[in-house]
């Protein structure tokens, strides 16, 4: 049986290698960007990924920028011929040409883990979601969620942080952001019900961008199993919600799930249950993974930099002292957290949860004198500007003042992407991060237990041991 799997893998490698050979042969002789494509099939994927595993994902980019003296270089990533675009001018070009010259692309593994019940591609489903989400995630709509976020943050810190001398931050941050996503997207807030989802979601997330070989024991196989389990759970929640809406026990505006059930498309059709489950599944993944990384690194930098901590503490305590007993945070309070958000932005600059993203070339085009062929993939990297001294002097220095006034130049600070594909949950993320910071500094000062803990980027930055810290509660 084992030899059968090995033969299958060899056949897969051969076919990919053959298709890559013909693709490169076809474009040979045209004025391609400088660069090398690395090994057959795997290209430079291992080097690309390994710099992240070693904690310096920008090294892959900057080494090649220096070698080829170019903002654009060619490579081969995830079995695809690719051009890497670096810098603000490249970001502007890509974001401005979305759905004209380029479109979103992600590996086939994503379609297999998120098989749409409508038989359309995940690209088409993402476009539909982008039309639907603004109603739910615009600032006016989000204002009414702040009290819910505050309540869940209080419960989270009471159950996971208080009465502990030491905690491991990353798993706790994941619990907080996932609890919020479950409550605001599908109105699930019972901790036991949330916990039932948590492990399958972690399995799904870790296997989403992996080698798409569906064999027992592989991360990809576990991700598909987890996806099927969660989808079944979501369908049960959807069926119950339909009943509750008819009986008046649920509100049409209480969360994204209700919104999807009562909203028809331009032809008056309503979404199928499985279709809604697919979309909620994608939202729950996007709605908690990146924010949990951001919250973890906020704790890391506040623990390392006492003067930054003091600035955040002072601002947040002024807000806390202005509240009456039991009074929840509101929109006005969030608007006062200017320094705290500058700190969060500097964290997002130094440790962006979204390291970059892929695009697919829709038609041949020229950029900076180089031809970029149709069908190639383009990768843009946040670190190509975030850690570039041309845009951020002393890029390794933590300096929240970079975000005062009008802030960094356009297209240089891109933790949420840009253009038509800018993250629709940007404002949602801002709220959950600021509410987290408020409750953290109001309760504790933190000290890192592992002073020089290694950072791994896979695909998001994560402290290797999860960031264990010692807690020092404030005495009032």
Protein backbone atom coordinates (compact mmCIF):
# COMPACT_ATOMS: atom_id res chain seq x y z
CA UNK A 1 0.00 0.00 0.00
CA UNK A 2 2.83 2.37 0.92
CA UNK A 3 4.52 1.78 -2.48
CA UNK A 4 1.22 2.71 -4.20
CA UNK A 5 1.21 6.10 -2.40
CA UNK A 6 4.86 6.68 -3.32
CA UNK A 7 4.09 5.91 -6.99
CA UNK A 8 1.10 8.27 -6.87
CA UNK A 9 3.28 11.03 -5.44
CA UNK A 10 5.97 10.46 -8.10
CA UNK A 11 3.32 10.66 -10.85
CA UNK A 12 2.00 13.92 -9.37
CA UNK A 13 5.53 15.37 -9.26
CA UNK A 14 6.22 14.28 -12.86
CA UNK A 15 3.02 15.85 -14.22
CA UNK A 16 3.60 19.14 -12.42
CA UNK A 17 7.22 19.17 -13.59
CA UNK A 18 6.14 18.56 -17.19
CA UNK A 19 3.52 21.32 -17.17
CA UNK A 20 6.01 23.75 -15.62
CA UNK A 21 8.60 22.86 -18.24
CA UNK A 22 6.18 23.69 -21.07
CA UNK A 23 5.02 26.87 -19.38
CA UNK A 24 8.56 28.14 -18.98
CA UNK A 25 9.51 26.97 -22.48
CA UNK A 26 6.60 28.92 -23.93
CA UNK A 27 7.78 32.17 -22.33
CA UNK A 28 11.47 31.59 -22.96
CA UNK A 29 13.07 34.39 -24.90
CA UNK A 30 10.57 37.04 -23.85
CA UNK A 31 11.83 39.86 -21.62
CA UNK A 32 11.04 38.21 -18.29
CA UNK A 33 12.11 39.76 -14.96
CA UNK A 34 15.55 38.72 -13.63
CA UNK A 35 15.69 35.79 -11.24
CA UNK A 36 15.94 32.03 -11.11
CA UNK A 37 13.26 29.39 -10.88
CA UNK A 38 15.11 26.99 -8.59
CA UNK A 39 14.58 23.25 -8.55
CA UNK A 40 12.17 21.39 -10.84
CA UNK A 41 8.63 21.32 -9.38
CA UNK A 42 9.45 22.74 -5.96
CA UNK A 43 11.14 25.82 -7.44
CA UNK A 44 12.21 28.14 -4.62
CA UNK A 45 9.28 27.22 -2.36
CA UNK A 46 11.43 25.65 0.35
CA UNK A 47 13.67 28.70 0.57
CA UNK A 48 10.63 30.99 0.52
CA UNK A 49 8.99 29.05 3.37
CA UNK A 50 12.16 28.34 5.36
CA UNK A 51 13.06 32.02 5.80
CA UNK A 52 9.65 32.33 7.49
CA UNK A 53 10.26 29.26 9.67
CA UNK A 54 13.53 30.90 10.76
CA UNK A 55 11.64 34.10 11.65
CA UNK A 56 12.90 36.37 8.85
CA UNK A 57 10.43 36.10 5.94
CA UNK A 58 11.68 39.38 4.47
CA UNK A 59 15.12 37.81 3.81
CA UNK A 60 13.84 35.90 0.76
CA UNK A 61 12.61 39.19 -0.74
CA UNK A 62 15.47 41.53 0.21
CA UNK A 63 18.24 39.09 -0.82
CA UNK A 64 16.80 38.95 -4.35
CA UNK A 65 16.03 42.66 -4.55
CA UNK A 66 19.71 43.30 -3.76
CA UNK A 67 20.97 40.61 -6.14
CA UNK A 68 18.88 41.68 -9.15
CA UNK A 69 18.67 45.44 -8.36
CA UNK A 70 15.03 45.24 -9.27
CA UNK A 71 11.62 45.72 -7.66
CA UNK A 72 10.42 42.72 -9.69
CA UNK A 73 12.04 39.29 -9.93
CA UNK A 74 10.94 35.90 -11.19
CA UNK A 75 10.85 32.69 -9.19
CA UNK A 76 8.75 29.53 -8.86
CA UNK A 77 6.49 29.12 -5.81
CA UNK A 78 3.96 26.42 -4.85
CA UNK A 79 4.50 24.71 -8.20
CA UNK A 80 3.77 27.89 -10.19
CA UNK A 81 5.95 30.27 -12.23
CA UNK A 82 5.78 33.57 -10.35
CA UNK A 83 6.93 37.18 -10.32
CA UNK A 84 7.48 38.84 -6.95
CA UNK A 85 6.52 42.54 -6.84
CA UNK A 86 8.25 44.65 -4.15
CA UNK A 87 7.76 48.20 -2.94
CA UNK A 88 5.13 50.95 -2.91
CA UNK A 89 5.04 51.48 -6.70
CA UNK A 90 4.43 47.75 -7.22
CA UNK A 91 1.69 47.71 -4.56
CA UNK A 92 0.00 50.68 -6.23
CA UNK A 93 0.16 49.02 -9.65
CA UNK A 94 -1.29 45.70 -8.40
CA UNK A 95 -4.01 47.21 -6.21
CA UNK A 96 -5.04 49.58 -9.04
CA UNK A 97 -5.27 46.78 -11.61
CA UNK A 98 -7.32 44.29 -9.59
CA UNK A 99 -9.73 42.40 -11.89
CA UNK A 100 -8.19 44.20 -14.92
CA UNK A 101 -4.69 42.74 -15.29
CA UNK A 102 -4.66 40.51 -12.19
CA UNK A 103 -7.11 38.68 -9.96
CA UNK A 104 -6.96 36.92 -6.61
CA UNK A 105 -5.37 33.48 -6.63
CA UNK A 106 -4.84 30.85 -4.00
CA UNK A 107 -3.69 27.23 -4.24
CA UNK A 108 -6.07 24.44 -5.34
CA UNK A 109 -5.96 23.16 -1.76
CA UNK A 110 -8.27 26.03 -0.75
CA UNK A 111 -11.03 24.94 -3.15
CA UNK A 112 -10.70 21.36 -1.89
CA UNK A 113 -10.95 22.35 1.78
CA UNK A 114 -13.78 24.79 1.02
CA UNK A 115 -15.76 22.95 -1.68
CA UNK A 116 -18.63 25.28 -2.56
CA UNK A 117 -22.05 23.64 -2.58
CA UNK A 118 -22.92 25.75 -5.66
CA UNK A 119 -20.11 24.22 -7.75
CA UNK A 120 -18.61 27.66 -8.34
CA UNK A 121 -15.00 28.47 -7.57
CA UNK A 122 -13.88 30.03 -4.31
CA UNK A 123 -12.97 33.13 -6.39
CA UNK A 124 -16.61 33.63 -7.45
CA UNK A 125 -17.86 32.95 -3.93
CA UNK A 126 -15.38 35.49 -2.53
CA UNK A 127 -16.74 38.14 -4.93
CA UNK A 128 -20.31 37.45 -3.70
CA UNK A 129 -19.16 37.71 -0.09
CA UNK A 130 -17.47 41.04 -0.74
CA UNK A 131 -20.77 42.44 -1.99
CA UNK A 132 -22.60 41.22 1.10
CA UNK A 133 -20.10 42.03 3.87
CA UNK A 134 -19.92 45.85 3.74
CA UNK A 135 -23.47 46.11 5.15
CA UNK A 136 -22.38 44.10 8.15
CA UNK A 137 -18.82 45.33 8.65
CA UNK A 138 -19.12 49.07 7.98
CA UNK A 139 -18.35 51.34 10.98
CA UNK A 140 -22.02 52.29 11.56
CA UNK A 141 -23.01 48.62 11.85
CA UNK A 142 -19.98 47.74 13.98
CA UNK A 143 -20.81 50.39 16.58
CA UNK A 144 -23.54 48.19 18.03
CA UNK A 145 -21.10 45.27 18.52
CA UNK A 146 -18.69 47.13 20.82
CA UNK A 147 -20.71 46.35 23.94
CA UNK A 148 -20.80 42.64 22.96
CA UNK A 149 -17.02 42.68 22.39
CA UNK A 150 -16.51 44.33 25.78
CA UNK A 151 -18.68 41.74 27.55
CA UNK A 152 -16.88 38.79 25.92
CA UNK A 153 -13.46 40.36 26.64
CA UNK A 154 -14.42 40.67 30.33
CA UNK A 155 -15.51 37.02 30.44
CA UNK A 156 -12.37 35.97 28.55
CA UNK A 157 -9.95 37.72 30.90
CA UNK A 158 -11.87 36.53 33.97
CA UNK A 159 -11.78 32.87 32.87
CA UNK A 160 -8.38 32.65 31.15
CA UNK A 161 -6.06 35.26 32.71
CA UNK A 162 -7.13 36.30 36.19
CA UNK A 163 -6.02 34.14 39.16
CA UNK A 164 -3.04 32.97 37.08
CA UNK A 165 0.56 33.98 37.74
CA UNK A 166 1.65 32.88 34.28
CA UNK A 167 -0.16 32.34 30.97
CA UNK A 168 0.71 31.37 27.39
CA UNK A 169 -0.60 34.23 25.29
CA UNK A 170 -1.12 32.85 21.77
CA UNK A 171 -3.67 30.10 22.63
CA UNK A 172 -5.54 32.61 24.82
CA UNK A 173 -5.57 35.25 22.06
CA UNK A 174 -6.96 32.62 19.67
CA UNK A 175 -9.65 31.75 22.18
CA UNK A 176 -10.64 35.42 22.53
CA UNK A 177 -10.85 36.19 18.80
CA UNK A 178 -12.60 32.90 18.01
CA UNK A 179 -15.16 33.43 20.79
CA UNK A 180 -15.88 36.89 19.36
CA UNK A 181 -16.21 35.56 15.80
CA UNK A 182 -18.59 32.79 16.93
CA UNK A 183 -20.74 35.27 18.86
CA UNK A 184 -20.88 38.01 16.21
CA UNK A 185 -21.18 35.80 13.13
CA UNK A 186 -23.50 33.02 14.38
CA UNK A 187 -24.55 34.09 17.94
CA UNK A 188 -22.77 31.13 19.57
CA UNK A 189 -21.30 32.34 22.85
CA UNK A 190 -21.49 29.41 25.27
CA UNK A 191 -17.80 28.64 26.01
CA UNK A 192 -18.39 24.88 25.72
CA UNK A 193 -20.03 25.24 22.32
CA UNK A 194 -17.20 27.52 21.16
CA UNK A 195 -14.60 25.03 22.45
CA UNK A 196 -16.26 22.25 20.40
CA UNK A 197 -15.36 24.20 17.24
CA UNK A 198 -11.88 25.34 18.29
CA UNK A 199 -9.75 22.19 17.66
CA UNK A 200 -11.24 21.42 14.22
CA UNK A 201 -10.68 25.05 13.23
CA UNK A 202 -7.03 24.87 14.24
CA UNK A 203 -6.63 21.69 12.16
CA UNK A 204 -8.33 23.36 9.21
CA UNK A 205 -6.15 26.46 9.42
CA UNK A 206 -2.89 24.48 9.66
CA UNK A 207 -3.72 22.34 6.59
CA UNK A 208 -5.24 25.02 4.40
CA UNK A 209 -2.02 26.06 2.64
CA UNK A 210 -0.27 22.70 2.40
CA UNK A 211 0.69 20.11 -0.22
CA UNK A 212 -2.74 18.98 -1.53
CA UNK A 213 -2.25 15.23 -1.01
CA UNK A 214 -5.36 13.73 0.60
CA UNK A 215 -3.81 10.75 2.39
CA UNK A 216 -4.42 9.75 6.03
CA UNK A 217 -2.06 11.55 8.39
CA UNK A 218 -1.33 14.52 6.13
CA UNK A 219 -2.25 18.08 7.26
CA UNK A 220 -4.36 18.41 4.10
CA UNK A 221 -6.39 15.27 4.91
CA UNK A 222 -6.97 16.49 8.48
CA UNK A 223 -8.07 19.89 7.15
CA UNK A 224 -10.69 18.30 4.86
CA UNK A 225 -12.04 16.15 7.72
CA UNK A 226 -12.20 19.20 10.01
CA UNK A 227 -13.93 21.23 7.30
CA UNK A 228 -16.62 18.54 6.88
CA UNK A 229 -17.18 18.33 10.65
CA UNK A 230 -17.55 22.11 11.05
CA UNK A 231 -19.83 22.38 8.02
CA UNK A 232 -22.16 19.75 9.53
CA UNK A 233 -22.25 21.64 12.84
CA UNK A 234 -22.98 24.91 11.04
CA UNK A 235 -25.85 23.40 9.04
CA UNK A 236 -27.48 22.34 12.35
CA UNK A 237 -27.13 25.93 13.66
CA UNK A 238 -28.55 27.31 10.38
CA UNK A 239 -31.60 24.99 10.48
CA UNK A 240 -32.34 26.04 14.07
CA UNK A 241 -31.94 29.73 13.20
CA UNK A 242 -34.48 29.40 10.37
CA UNK A 243 -37.01 28.08 12.88
CA UNK A 244 -36.14 30.83 15.40
CA UNK A 245 -36.56 33.54 12.76
CA UNK A 246 -40.03 32.24 11.81
CA UNK A 247 -41.07 32.03 15.48
CA UNK A 248 -39.69 35.49 16.28
CA UNK A 249 -37.05 34.12 18.69
CA UNK A 250 -34.21 35.51 16.53
CA UNK A 251 -33.71 38.91 14.91
CA UNK A 252 -32.98 39.40 11.19
CA UNK A 253 -30.17 41.83 12.12
CA UNK A 254 -28.57 40.02 15.07
CA UNK A 255 -25.57 38.60 13.17
CA UNK A 256 -24.16 37.69 9.75
CA UNK A 257 -26.01 34.36 9.74
CA UNK A 258 -29.43 36.03 10.08
CA UNK A 259 -28.41 38.58 7.45
CA UNK A 260 -27.57 35.79 4.99
CA UNK A 261 -30.82 33.95 5.65
CA UNK A 262 -33.08 36.96 5.04
CA UNK A 263 -31.14 38.56 2.12
CA UNK A 264 -31.86 37.49 -1.47
CA UNK A 265 -29.69 38.09 -4.53
CA UNK A 266 -30.61 40.35 -7.48
CA UNK A 267 -32.86 37.56 -8.86
CA UNK A 268 -34.77 37.18 -5.58
CA UNK A 269 -33.08 33.86 -4.73
CA UNK A 270 -32.00 32.99 -1.20
CA UNK A 271 -28.82 31.07 -0.40
CA UNK A 272 -28.91 27.35 0.30
CA UNK A 273 -28.02 26.11 3.79
CA UNK A 274 -24.77 24.49 2.62
CA UNK A 275 -23.84 27.63 0.70
CA UNK A 276 -24.30 29.71 3.87
CA UNK A 277 -22.29 27.15 5.87
CA UNK A 278 -19.40 27.49 3.36
CA UNK A 279 -19.37 31.25 3.69
CA UNK A 280 -19.62 31.28 7.49
CA UNK A 281 -16.77 28.75 7.58
CA UNK A 282 -14.54 31.08 5.55
CA UNK A 283 -15.51 34.07 7.68
CA UNK A 284 -14.75 32.28 10.94
CA UNK A 285 -11.29 31.38 9.62
CA UNK A 286 -10.57 34.92 8.41
CA UNK A 287 -12.21 36.50 11.43
CA UNK A 288 -9.98 35.12 14.13
CA UNK A 289 -6.64 33.76 12.90
CA UNK A 290 -5.00 37.02 11.84
CA UNK A 291 -6.31 39.05 14.79
CA UNK A 292 -5.04 36.47 17.30
CA UNK A 293 -1.52 36.85 15.86
CA UNK A 294 -1.82 40.67 16.15
CA UNK A 295 -3.04 40.49 19.79
CA UNK A 296 -0.17 38.13 20.68
CA UNK A 297 2.48 40.49 19.28
CA UNK A 298 0.88 43.46 21.03
CA UNK A 299 1.46 41.64 24.34
CA UNK A 300 5.05 40.85 23.27
CA UNK A 301 5.94 44.48 22.50
CA UNK A 302 4.13 45.89 25.54
CA UNK A 303 6.09 43.45 27.71
CA UNK A 304 9.40 44.43 26.06
CA UNK A 305 8.92 48.22 25.98
CA UNK A 306 7.90 49.77 29.35
CA UNK A 307 7.66 53.32 27.96
CA UNK A 308 5.23 52.17 25.24
CA UNK A 309 3.22 50.24 27.84
CA UNK A 310 2.99 53.36 30.04
CA UNK A 311 1.57 55.41 27.15
CA UNK A 312 -1.11 52.81 26.41
CA UNK A 313 -1.88 52.30 30.13
CA UNK A 314 -2.33 56.05 30.70
CA UNK A 315 -4.71 56.41 27.74
CA UNK A 316 -6.76 53.34 28.63
CA UNK A 317 -7.05 54.20 32.33
CA UNK A 318 -8.45 57.64 31.49
CA UNK A 319 -11.19 55.85 29.56
CA UNK A 320 -11.72 53.25 32.32
CA UNK A 321 -12.07 55.97 35.00
CA UNK A 322 -14.69 57.80 32.93
CA UNK A 323 -17.02 54.77 33.00
CA UNK A 324 -19.69 54.13 35.63
CA UNK A 325 -20.00 50.75 37.40
CA UNK A 326 -20.93 48.09 34.82
CA UNK A 327 -20.92 50.62 31.95
CA UNK A 328 -19.62 49.07 28.72
CA UNK A 329 -17.19 50.56 26.21
CA UNK A 330 -18.80 52.49 23.35
CA UNK A 331 -17.85 54.06 20.00
CA UNK A 332 -16.72 57.33 21.60
CA UNK A 333 -14.32 55.40 23.87
CA UNK A 334 -12.80 53.62 20.87
CA UNK A 335 -12.23 56.96 19.10
CA UNK A 336 -10.19 58.15 22.12
CA UNK A 337 -7.74 55.23 21.80
CA UNK A 338 -5.50 57.07 19.32
CA UNK A 339 -2.10 56.26 20.86
CA UNK A 340 -3.15 52.64 21.46
CA UNK A 341 -4.06 52.26 17.78
CA UNK A 342 -0.74 53.83 16.71
CA UNK A 343 0.98 51.18 18.86
CA UNK A 344 -1.16 48.43 17.29
CA UNK A 345 -0.29 49.74 13.79
CA UNK A 346 3.43 49.65 14.59
CA UNK A 347 2.96 46.03 15.73
CA UNK A 348 1.16 45.27 12.45
CA UNK A 349 4.04 46.87 10.55
CA UNK A 350 6.73 44.79 12.29
CA UNK A 351 4.75 41.53 12.46
CA UNK A 352 2.03 41.67 9.78
CA UNK A 353 -0.31 38.67 10.13
CA UNK A 354 -0.85 38.86 6.36
CA UNK A 355 2.68 38.50 5.02
CA UNK A 356 1.57 38.98 1.45
CA UNK A 357 -0.80 37.51 -1.13
CA UNK A 358 -0.90 35.95 -4.56
CA UNK A 359 -2.49 37.24 -7.74
CA UNK A 360 -3.00 35.52 -11.10
CA UNK A 361 -2.14 37.35 -14.32
CA UNK A 362 -5.23 37.67 -16.57
CA UNK A 363 -3.44 38.96 -19.67
CA UNK A 364 0.18 39.59 -20.76
CA UNK A 365 1.39 43.00 -19.61
CA UNK A 366 4.60 45.02 -19.25
CA UNK A 367 5.83 46.45 -15.95
CA UNK A 368 9.12 48.32 -15.42
CA UNK A 369 10.26 47.12 -18.86
CA UNK A 370 9.60 43.44 -18.05
CA UNK A 371 6.95 41.23 -19.64
CA UNK A 372 4.68 39.37 -17.23
CA UNK A 373 2.95 36.45 -19.04
CA UNK A 374 -0.70 35.51 -18.72
CA UNK A 375 -1.22 32.65 -16.25
CA UNK A 376 1.80 33.51 -14.11
CA UNK A 377 1.29 34.16 -10.42
CA UNK A 378 2.35 37.39 -8.73
CA UNK A 379 3.28 37.58 -5.07
CA UNK A 380 3.31 40.91 -3.23
CA UNK A 381 4.93 41.16 0.19
CA UNK A 382 4.00 43.48 3.07
CA UNK A 383 7.57 43.29 4.34
CA UNK A 384 8.97 44.74 1.09
CA UNK A 385 7.69 48.13 2.33
CA UNK A 386 7.15 47.58 6.08
CA UNK A 387 10.81 46.76 6.71
CA UNK A 388 12.28 49.00 4.03
CA UNK A 389 14.29 52.00 5.28
CA UNK A 390 13.23 53.96 2.18
CA UNK A 391 9.71 54.15 3.64
CA UNK A 392 10.30 53.57 7.37
CA UNK A 393 13.63 54.98 8.66
CA UNK A 394 15.29 52.58 11.15
CA UNK A 395 12.73 49.92 10.18
CA UNK A 396 13.53 47.59 13.10
CA UNK A 397 12.90 50.34 15.68
CA UNK A 398 9.48 50.33 17.40
CA UNK A 399 8.11 53.84 16.87
CA UNK A 400 4.33 54.48 17.07
CA UNK A 401 4.86 58.14 16.11
CA UNK A 402 5.18 56.95 12.47
CA UNK A 403 1.36 56.84 12.47
CA UNK A 404 0.71 60.34 13.80
CA UNK A 405 -0.75 63.00 11.49
CA UNK A 406 -1.24 61.73 7.96
CA UNK A 407 0.84 58.61 8.72
CA UNK A 408 3.07 56.66 6.31
CA UNK A 409 3.09 57.36 2.53
CA UNK A 410 0.34 55.63 0.48
CA UNK A 411 0.86 51.97 -0.42
CA UNK A 412 3.65 51.49 2.15
CA UNK A 413 1.62 50.29 5.18
CA UNK A 414 -0.42 47.35 3.89
CA UNK A 415 -1.27 44.89 6.71
CA UNK A 416 -4.84 44.72 5.36
CA UNK A 417 -3.89 44.65 1.67
CA UNK A 418 -5.19 47.42 -0.58
CA UNK A 419 -7.40 48.37 -3.49
CA UNK A 420 -10.68 46.51 -4.16
CA UNK A 421 -9.36 43.51 -2.22
CA UNK A 422 -8.51 45.37 0.97
CA UNK A 423 -9.62 43.25 3.92
CA UNK A 424 -13.33 43.98 4.48
CA UNK A 425 -12.87 43.16 8.18
CA UNK A 426 -10.29 45.91 8.78
CA UNK A 427 -12.57 47.97 11.05
CA UNK A 428 -13.79 44.84 12.85
CA UNK A 429 -10.15 43.91 13.54
CA UNK A 430 -9.43 47.41 14.85
CA UNK A 431 -12.26 47.12 17.37
CA UNK A 432 -11.40 43.65 18.66
CA UNK A 433 -7.70 44.59 19.00
CA UNK A 434 -8.43 47.84 20.90
CA UNK A 435 -10.96 46.15 23.23
CA UNK A 436 -8.31 43.47 23.93
CA UNK A 437 -5.65 46.12 24.68
CA UNK A 438 -8.05 47.98 27.01
CA UNK A 439 -8.72 44.91 29.15
CA UNK A 440 -5.12 43.71 29.10
CA UNK A 441 -3.43 46.89 30.38
CA UNK A 442 -6.28 47.72 32.76
CA UNK A 443 -5.59 44.45 34.58
CA UNK A 444 -1.91 43.57 34.15
CA UNK A 445 1.65 44.40 33.39
CA UNK A 446 3.32 41.47 31.62
CA UNK A 447 6.86 40.11 31.65
CA UNK A 448 8.19 37.67 29.06
CA UNK A 449 9.34 34.35 30.52
CA UNK A 450 11.52 33.49 27.48
CA UNK A 451 13.49 36.71 26.77
CA UNK A 452 14.58 35.90 23.20
CA UNK A 453 11.77 33.62 22.09
CA UNK A 454 12.08 32.65 18.43
CA UNK A 455 9.41 33.84 15.99
CA UNK A 456 8.14 31.43 13.33
CA UNK A 457 6.19 32.58 10.27
CA UNK A 458 3.99 29.72 9.01
CA UNK A 459 2.10 31.39 7.33
CA UNK A 460 1.45 33.96 10.10
CA UNK A 461 4.03 35.08 12.67
CA UNK A 462 3.80 33.08 15.90
CA UNK A 463 6.17 32.96 18.90
CA UNK A 464 7.69 29.44 18.87
CA UNK A 465 6.50 28.62 22.42
CA UNK A 466 3.27 30.64 22.24
CA UNK A 467 4.66 33.61 24.26
CA UNK A 468 4.54 32.57 27.92
CA UNK A 469 4.36 35.64 30.20
CA UNK A 470 4.31 36.39 33.93
CA UNK A 471 1.36 38.53 35.02
CA UNK A 472 1.58 41.36 37.53
CA UNK A 473 -1.97 42.50 38.41
CA UNK A 474 -2.48 46.20 39.18
CA UNK A 475 -3.34 47.01 42.79
CA UNK A 476 -5.99 49.69 43.03
